[in-house]
Structure formats: C-alpha cells, structure tokens
C-alpha atoms as a PDB file:
ATOM      1  CA  MET A   1     -11.819  25.393 -29.591  1.00  0.00           C
ATOM      2  CA  VAL A   2      -9.643  26.550 -26.703  1.00  0.00           C
ATOM      3  CA  ARG A   3     -12.599  28.196 -25.002  1.00  0.00           C
ATOM      4  CA  ALA A   4     -14.667  25.003 -25.235  1.00  0.00           C
ATOM      5  CA  ALA A   5     -11.733  22.946 -23.935  1.00  0.00           C
ATOM      6  CA  ARG A   6     -11.294  25.295 -20.982  1.00  0.00           C
ATOM      7  CA  PHE A   7     -14.984  25.079 -20.147  1.00  0.00           C
ATOM      8  CA  ALA A   8     -14.849  21.275 -20.324  1.00  0.00           C
ATOM      9  CA  LEU A   9     -11.668  21.282 -18.219  1.00  0.00           C
ATOM     10  CA  ALA A  10     -13.317  23.400 -15.514  1.00  0.00           C
ATOM     11  CA  LEU A  11     -16.321  21.064 -15.360  1.00  0.00           C
ATOM     12  CA  TYR A  12     -14.081  18.000 -15.299  1.00  0.00           C
ATOM     13  CA  VAL A  13     -11.891  19.400 -12.515  1.00  0.00           C
ATOM     14  CA  LEU A  14     -14.992  20.067 -10.407  1.00  0.00           C
ATOM     15  CA  ALA A  15     -16.288  16.524 -10.950  1.00  0.00           C
ATOM     16  CA  ALA A  16     -12.879  14.956 -10.295  1.00  0.00           C
ATOM     17  CA  ALA A  17     -12.458  17.039  -7.130  1.00  0.00           C
ATOM     18  CA  ALA A  18     -15.850  15.904  -5.858  1.00  0.00           C
ATOM     19  CA  ILE A  19     -14.847  12.268  -6.388  1.00  0.00           C
ATOM     20  CA  THR A  20     -11.300  12.449  -5.082  1.00  0.00           C
ATOM     21  CA  LEU A  21     -11.593  14.998  -2.268  1.00  0.00           C
ATOM     22  CA  GLY A  22     -15.075  14.272  -0.964  1.00  0.00           C
ATOM     23  CA  PRO A  23     -16.220  11.450   1.272  1.00  0.00           C
ATOM     24  CA  ARG A  24     -15.293   7.911   0.246  1.00  0.00           C
ATOM     25  CA  PRO A  25     -16.670   7.309  -3.232  1.00  0.00           C
ATOM     26  CA  ASP A  26     -17.141   3.589  -2.531  1.00  0.00           C
ATOM     27  CA  ARG A  27     -20.880   3.917  -2.137  1.00  0.00           C
ATOM     28  CA  LEU A  28     -21.063   5.755  -5.418  1.00  0.00           C
ATOM     29  CA  PHE A  29     -19.124   3.138  -7.390  1.00  0.00           C
ATOM     30  CA  ASN A  30     -19.780  -0.181  -5.635  1.00  0.00           C
ATOM     31  CA  GLY A  31     -22.584  -1.081  -8.047  1.00  0.00           C
ATOM     32  CA  GLY A  32     -20.348  -0.501 -11.076  1.00  0.00           C
ATOM     33  CA  LEU A  33     -17.511  -2.406  -9.462  1.00  0.00           C
ATOM     34  CA  ARG A  34     -19.747  -5.410  -8.805  1.00  0.00           C
ATOM     35  CA  ALA A  35     -21.097  -5.255 -12.363  1.00  0.00           C
ATOM     36  CA  VAL A  36     -17.602  -5.302 -13.902  1.00  0.00           C
ATOM     37  CA  THR A  37     -16.535  -8.144 -11.627  1.00  0.00           C
ATOM     38  CA  GLU A  38     -19.637 -10.154 -12.572  1.00  0.00           C
ATOM     39  CA  LEU A  39     -19.291  -9.403 -16.300  1.00  0.00           C
ATOM     40  CA  THR A  40     -15.745 -10.734 -16.257  1.00  0.00           C
ATOM     41  CA  ASP A  41     -16.647 -13.773 -14.115  1.00  0.00           C
ATOM     42  CA  GLY A  42     -14.346 -12.496 -11.404  1.00  0.00           C
ATOM     43  CA  ALA A  43     -11.344 -12.092 -13.722  1.00  0.00           C
ATOM     44  CA  ALA A  44     -11.323  -8.370 -12.998  1.00  0.00           C
ATOM     45  CA  SER A  45     -10.665  -7.995  -9.282  1.00  0.00           C
ATOM     46  CA  SER A  46     -11.770  -4.900  -7.420  1.00  0.00           C
ATOM     47  CA  SER A  47      -8.109  -3.892  -7.207  1.00  0.00           C
ATOM     48  CA  LEU A  48      -7.702  -4.149 -10.979  1.00  0.00           C
ATOM     49  CA  VAL A  49     -10.916  -2.225 -11.636  1.00  0.00           C
ATOM     50  CA  GLU A  50      -9.846   0.499  -9.200  1.00  0.00           C
ATOM     51  CA  ALA A  51      -6.449   0.781 -10.901  1.00  0.00           C
ATOM     52  CA  GLY A  52      -8.160   1.063 -14.290  1.00  0.00           C
ATOM     53  CA  ALA A  53     -10.490   3.736 -12.949  1.00  0.00           C
ATOM     54  CA  ASN A  54      -7.492   5.683 -11.636  1.00  0.00           C
ATOM     55  CA  VAL A  55      -5.888   5.562 -15.082  1.00  0.00           C
ATOM     56  CA  LEU A  56      -9.132   6.641 -16.771  1.00  0.00           C
ATOM     57  CA  LEU A  57      -9.683   9.478 -14.295  1.00  0.00           C
ATOM     58  CA  PHE A  58      -6.576  11.326 -15.467  1.00  0.00           C
ATOM     59  CA  VAL A  59      -6.783  10.712 -19.245  1.00  0.00           C
ATOM     60  CA  PRO A  60      -9.410  13.431 -19.850  1.00  0.00           C
ATOM     61  CA  LEU A  61      -7.770  15.753 -17.335  1.00  0.00           C
ATOM     62  CA  ALA A  62      -4.419  15.741 -19.148  1.00  0.00           C
ATOM     63  CA  PHE A  63      -6.041  15.784 -22.593  1.00  0.00           C
ATOM     64  CA  LEU A  64      -8.234  18.785 -21.722  1.00  0.00           C
ATOM     65  CA  LEU A  65      -5.306  20.558 -20.060  1.00  0.00           C
ATOM     66  CA  CYS A  66      -3.273  20.207 -23.262  1.00  0.00           C
ATOM     67  CA  ARG A  67      -6.194  21.339 -25.441  1.00  0.00           C
ATOM     68  CA  SER A  68      -6.954  24.281 -23.111  1.00  0.00           C
ATOM     69  CA  PHE A  69      -3.419  25.627 -23.031  1.00  0.00           C
ATOM     70  CA  PRO A  70      -1.715  24.729 -26.323  1.00  0.00           C
ATOM     71  CA  ALA A  71       1.366  26.810 -25.503  1.00  0.00           C
ATOM     72  CA  VAL A  72       2.113  24.664 -22.442  1.00  0.00           C
ATOM     73  CA  ARG A  73       4.637  21.916 -23.139  1.00  0.00           C
ATOM     74  CA  PRO A  74       3.116  18.417 -22.977  1.00  0.00           C
ATOM     75  CA  TRP A  75       5.635  17.227 -20.380  1.00  0.00           C
ATOM     76  CA  LEU A  76       4.608  20.131 -18.138  1.00  0.00           C
ATOM     77  CA  ALA A  77       0.936  19.149 -18.454  1.00  0.00           C
ATOM     78  CA  TRP A  78       1.948  15.646 -17.336  1.00  0.00           C
ATOM     79  CA  VAL A  79       3.935  17.051 -14.397  1.00  0.00           C
ATOM     80  CA  LEU A  80       0.965  19.218 -13.358  1.00  0.00           C
ATOM     81  CA  CYS A  81      -1.420  16.255 -13.483  1.00  0.00           C
ATOM     82  CA  THR A  82       0.999  14.036 -11.572  1.00  0.00           C
ATOM     83  CA  GLY A  83       1.474  16.795  -8.999  1.00  0.00           C
ATOM     84  CA  ALA A  84      -2.295  17.112  -8.684  1.00  0.00           C
ATOM     85  CA  SER A  85      -2.506  13.354  -8.102  1.00  0.00           C
ATOM     86  CA  LEU A  86       0.156  13.545  -5.410  1.00  0.00           C
ATOM     87  CA  THR A  87      -1.707  16.441  -3.771  1.00  0.00           C
ATOM     88  CA  VAL A  88      -4.950  14.453  -3.796  1.00  0.00           C
ATOM     89  CA  GLU A  89      -3.217  11.474  -2.199  1.00  0.00           C
ATOM     90  CA  LEU A  90      -1.728  13.700   0.509  1.00  0.00           C
ATOM     91  CA  TRP A  91      -5.220  15.066   1.160  1.00  0.00           C
ATOM     92  CA  GLN A  92      -6.623  11.544   1.339  1.00  0.00           C
ATOM     93  CA  TRP A  93      -3.825  10.519   3.715  1.00  0.00           C
ATOM     94  CA  ALA A  94      -4.880  13.293   6.100  1.00  0.00           C
ATOM     95  CA  ALA A  95      -8.641  12.896   5.626  1.00  0.00           C
ATOM     96  CA  PRO A  96     -10.438  10.512   7.962  1.00  0.00           C
ATOM     97  CA  GLY A  97     -11.819   7.427   6.259  1.00  0.00           C
ATOM     98  CA  ARG A  98      -9.765   7.852   3.084  1.00  0.00           C
ATOM     99  CA  ASP A  99      -6.863   5.725   1.875  1.00  0.00           C
ATOM    100  CA  ALA A 100      -3.786   7.121   0.150  1.00  0.00           C
ATOM    101  CA  THR A 101      -1.545   4.867  -1.921  1.00  0.00           C
ATOM    102  CA  LEU A 102       1.472   5.308  -4.128  1.00  0.00           C
ATOM    103  CA  ARG A 103      -0.237   2.984  -6.623  1.00  0.00           C
ATOM    104  CA  ASP A 104      -2.927   5.624  -7.158  1.00  0.00           C
ATOM    105  CA  VAL A 105      -0.290   8.244  -7.989  1.00  0.00           C
ATOM    106  CA  VAL A 106       1.392   5.861 -10.450  1.00  0.00           C
ATOM    107  CA  THR A 107      -1.861   4.900 -12.173  1.00  0.00           C
ATOM    108  CA  ASN A 108      -2.998   8.527 -12.310  1.00  0.00           C
ATOM    109  CA  ALA A 109       0.372   9.483 -13.839  1.00  0.00           C
ATOM    110  CA  LEU A 110      -0.093   6.746 -16.447  1.00  0.00           C
ATOM    111  CA  GLY A 111      -3.532   8.120 -17.267  1.00  0.00           C
ATOM    112  CA  ALA A 112      -2.082  11.618 -17.582  1.00  0.00           C
ATOM    113  CA  ALA A 113       0.600  10.298 -19.956  1.00  0.00           C
ATOM    114  CA  ILE A 114      -2.102   8.702 -22.113  1.00  0.00           C
ATOM    115  CA  GLY A 115      -4.088  11.960 -22.151  1.00  0.00           C
ATOM    116  CA  VAL A 116      -1.011  13.957 -23.160  1.00  0.00           C
ATOM    117  CA  ALA A 117      -0.213  11.385 -25.871  1.00  0.00           C
ATOM    118  CA  LEU A 118      -3.758  11.550 -27.246  1.00  0.00           C
ATOM    119  CA  SER A 119      -3.532  15.334 -27.458  1.00  0.00           C
ATOM    120  CA  TRP A 120      -0.183  15.036 -29.233  1.00  0.00           C
ATOM    121  CA  VAL A 121      -1.682  12.555 -31.721  1.00  0.00           C
ATOM    122  CA  LEU A 122      -4.577  14.938 -32.372  1.00  0.00           C
ATOM    123  CA  ASP A 123      -2.110  17.787 -32.953  1.00  0.00           C
ATOM    124  CA  SER A 124      -0.189  15.592 -35.406  1.00  0.00           C
ATOM    125  CA  VAL A 125      -3.362  14.742 -37.323  1.00  0.00           C
ATOM    126  CA  ILE A 126      -4.413  18.396 -37.441  1.00  0.00           C
ATOM    127  CA  ASP A 127      -0.945  19.457 -38.591  1.00  0.00           C
ATOM    128  CA  ARG A 128      -0.868  16.736 -41.249  1.00  0.00           C
ATOM    129  CA  SER A 129      -4.330  17.566 -42.587  1.00  0.00           C
ATOM    130  CA  GLY A 130      -3.424  21.261 -42.738  1.00  0.00           C
ATOM    131  CA  ALA A 131      -0.196  20.498 -44.610  1.00  0.00           C
ATOM    132  CA  GLN A 132      -2.029  18.265 -47.091  1.00  0.00           C
ATOM    133  CA  SER A 133      -4.600  20.942 -47.824  1.00  0.00           C
ATOM    134  CA  GLY A 134      -1.855  23.562 -48.223  1.00  0.00           C
ATOM    135  CA  ARG A 135      -3.141  25.833 -45.493  1.00  0.00           C
ATOM    136  CA  ALA A 136      -2.397  26.423 -41.875  1.00  0.00           C
ATOM    137  CA  THR A 137      -4.851  25.094 -39.325  1.00  0.00           C
ATOM    138  CA  PRO A 138      -5.757  27.236 -36.323  1.00  0.00           C
ATOM    139  CA  ARG A 139      -5.511  25.553 -32.923  1.00  0.00           C
ATOM    140  CA  GLY A 140      -7.520  28.055 -30.952  1.00  0.00           C
END
C-alpha cells in the first residue's frame, strides 16, 4: 500500500504544482466557478468557492503524505503541507499576474489538517479491525 500511496502522491504533487505554480488557473476553473455559483443561486460567492477549493486542494496531499510515510508523525505532515502552502504563496507573490494571500495559507492548512485527520481515522479503523480479528494488520 505504501508504494501505491507514494505513486499517487507523486502524481498529485505534479498536478498541484501545475495548478499553483503555473500561469493563473482562472481560465481553467472559471467554468466550474460559474457553475457552482449558478447551482447555488449566487449563495456561493467566488470567494467562498475559491476558499473551499483551497481547502480541498490540500486534503489529498496531506492524506497521501501520511499514507506514503507512515513513520512520519501526523503533526509533521501537517507542518510540511503548511510550509509547502507558504512556499507556494511566496512564489505567487513574486510571480507576475499571480496573487498571494494569507487566507490561502490558512485554508490550505485547514485542508492539510483534514487530510491528516482522515489518515488518522483510517489508521484507527485498521488497528481496530486487526485487534478484533486477533491479528496484526500490516500498514505497508
């Protein structure tokens, strides 16, 4: 399982880097943003949708990081993801045509916390099912 998680993590990092470090992704996501706004009759503003997307961007990253490196403490996975978010925002601050905001770092950190929590829940379920069956469950 660790090998599959690492492969998925590598693919996800490449996709996330293309979105966050490349040219403005607005053109890529404007159609989806309009669709969500229309579906909610305007209740979901573009700012709210963007914040939600920032949360969702880091959930799989943190989850896959935890699954890929089970020996790494969950809090350290969160710190790494939050540091990556801060690095991306610094890059966007320096890149022409990109906007950097502290809100993005906060929402990315929230997403990373959710991803770490989901991995912890999965570990708890695996541990519990192994204890109930009377055998140890491998994590790798």
